[in-house]
Every structure is written in structure tokens, then in C-alpha cells.
Amino acid sequence: MEKMNSKDPLHGITLQKILEILVEFYGFDTLAELIKIKCFSDNPSIKSSLTFLRKTDWARKKVEELYIRTLPKLSK
């Protein structure tokens, strides 16, 4: 059987990995400016951000959208 390549950029990547990539690329300060959520501005950490994002669909969607928009910049 051949492997099917997904055209979905989020396929096979965890929320934790997405967040780690974005924090490494932007830092929490810039993330807090780009996405106005408290877990990025008040005592931010990967763990607390993941807890919030897993419970809050609208915030997770914004993080995923930012990741997709950031992908072209990551490959440079």
C-alpha cells in the first residue's frame, strides 16, 4: 500500500508541537500581541497554554491559523 500524503498542514502534528514551534519562532511576547489571550501574556508557559488551548476551541483555532500562516516563514 502507498502512503497517502495529506494536504492538511495540521495532519500529524500535535498542539504541543505547534505551540513549541510558534514560541520558538515568535516568543510569548509576540504571540500575546498576535493572539490576544491571557495564557500568552500573564506568566506564560507551554504547559499552562496547552491546558487553556485544549479547553478553548476558538483560541486553539487561532493558534492553528497562525501556525499555518507561519509555515512559509519557517521553511526559509
Protein backbone atom coordinates (compact mmCIF):
# COMPACT_ATOMS: atom_id res chain seq x y z
CA MET A 1 0.00 0.00 0.00
CA GLU A 2 1.17 3.50 -0.78
CA LYS A 3 1.19 6.19 1.84
CA MET A 4 -1.43 8.86 1.33
CA ASN A 5 0.01 12.36 1.62
CA SER A 6 -2.36 14.72 3.38
CA LYS A 7 -2.70 18.24 2.07
CA ASP A 8 -3.75 19.36 5.57
CA PRO A 9 -0.76 21.17 7.15
CA LEU A 10 -2.05 20.21 10.62
CA HIS A 11 -2.16 16.48 9.82
CA GLY A 12 0.11 14.51 12.13
CA ILE A 13 1.27 17.44 14.28
CA THR A 14 0.28 17.83 17.90
CA LEU A 15 -0.94 21.01 19.51
CA GLN A 16 2.11 20.90 21.77
CA LYS A 17 4.48 20.79 18.79
CA ILE A 18 2.60 23.66 17.09
CA LEU A 19 2.88 25.74 20.25
CA GLU A 20 6.57 24.92 20.73
CA ILE A 21 7.33 25.95 17.14
CA LEU A 22 5.40 29.22 17.48
CA VAL A 23 7.03 30.07 20.82
CA GLU A 24 10.47 29.38 19.38
CA PHE A 25 9.75 31.48 16.29
CA TYR A 26 7.86 34.41 17.87
CA GLY A 27 8.31 34.17 21.64
CA PHE A 28 5.45 34.60 24.09
CA ASP A 29 5.56 38.42 23.90
CA THR A 30 4.86 38.50 20.17
CA LEU A 31 2.34 35.65 20.44
CA ALA A 32 0.44 37.70 23.02
CA GLU A 33 0.32 40.61 20.56
CA LEU A 34 -0.75 38.42 17.63
CA ILE A 35 -3.35 36.44 19.58
CA LYS A 36 -4.93 38.27 22.48
CA ILE A 37 -5.22 35.53 25.07
CA LYS A 38 -4.11 35.75 28.67
CA CYS A 39 -2.14 32.49 28.71
CA PHE A 40 0.40 34.13 26.37
CA SER A 41 0.72 37.38 28.33
CA ASP A 42 0.34 36.54 32.04
CA ASN A 43 3.04 34.19 33.34
CA PRO A 44 3.15 32.18 30.09
CA SER A 45 4.34 28.61 29.82
CA ILE A 46 3.84 25.80 27.33
CA LYS A 47 2.01 23.73 29.95
CA SER A 48 -0.48 26.41 31.01
CA SER A 49 -1.06 27.45 27.39
CA LEU A 50 -1.76 23.85 26.36
CA THR A 51 -4.25 23.44 29.21
CA PHE A 52 -6.14 26.55 28.09
CA LEU A 53 -5.99 25.80 24.36
CA ARG A 54 -7.24 22.23 24.81
CA LYS A 55 -10.35 23.55 26.60
CA THR A 56 -10.98 26.58 24.38
CA ASP A 57 -11.80 25.81 20.74
CA TRP A 58 -11.74 29.41 19.45
CA ALA A 59 -8.28 30.02 20.91
CA ARG A 60 -6.94 26.73 19.55
CA LYS A 61 -8.28 27.64 16.11
CA LYS A 62 -6.45 30.99 16.22
CA VAL A 63 -3.19 29.26 17.17
CA GLU A 64 -3.61 26.72 14.37
CA GLU A 65 -4.36 29.50 11.86
CA LEU A 66 -1.25 31.41 12.95
CA TYR A 67 0.82 28.23 12.57
CA ILE A 68 -0.47 27.74 9.02
CA ARG A 69 0.33 31.38 8.15
CA THR A 70 3.79 30.98 9.70
CA LEU A 71 4.73 27.77 7.83
CA PRO A 72 6.18 29.58 4.77
CA LYS A 73 8.43 31.66 7.06
CA LEU A 74 9.67 28.53 8.85
CA SER A 75 10.96 26.92 5.69
CA LYS A 76 13.25 29.85 4.84
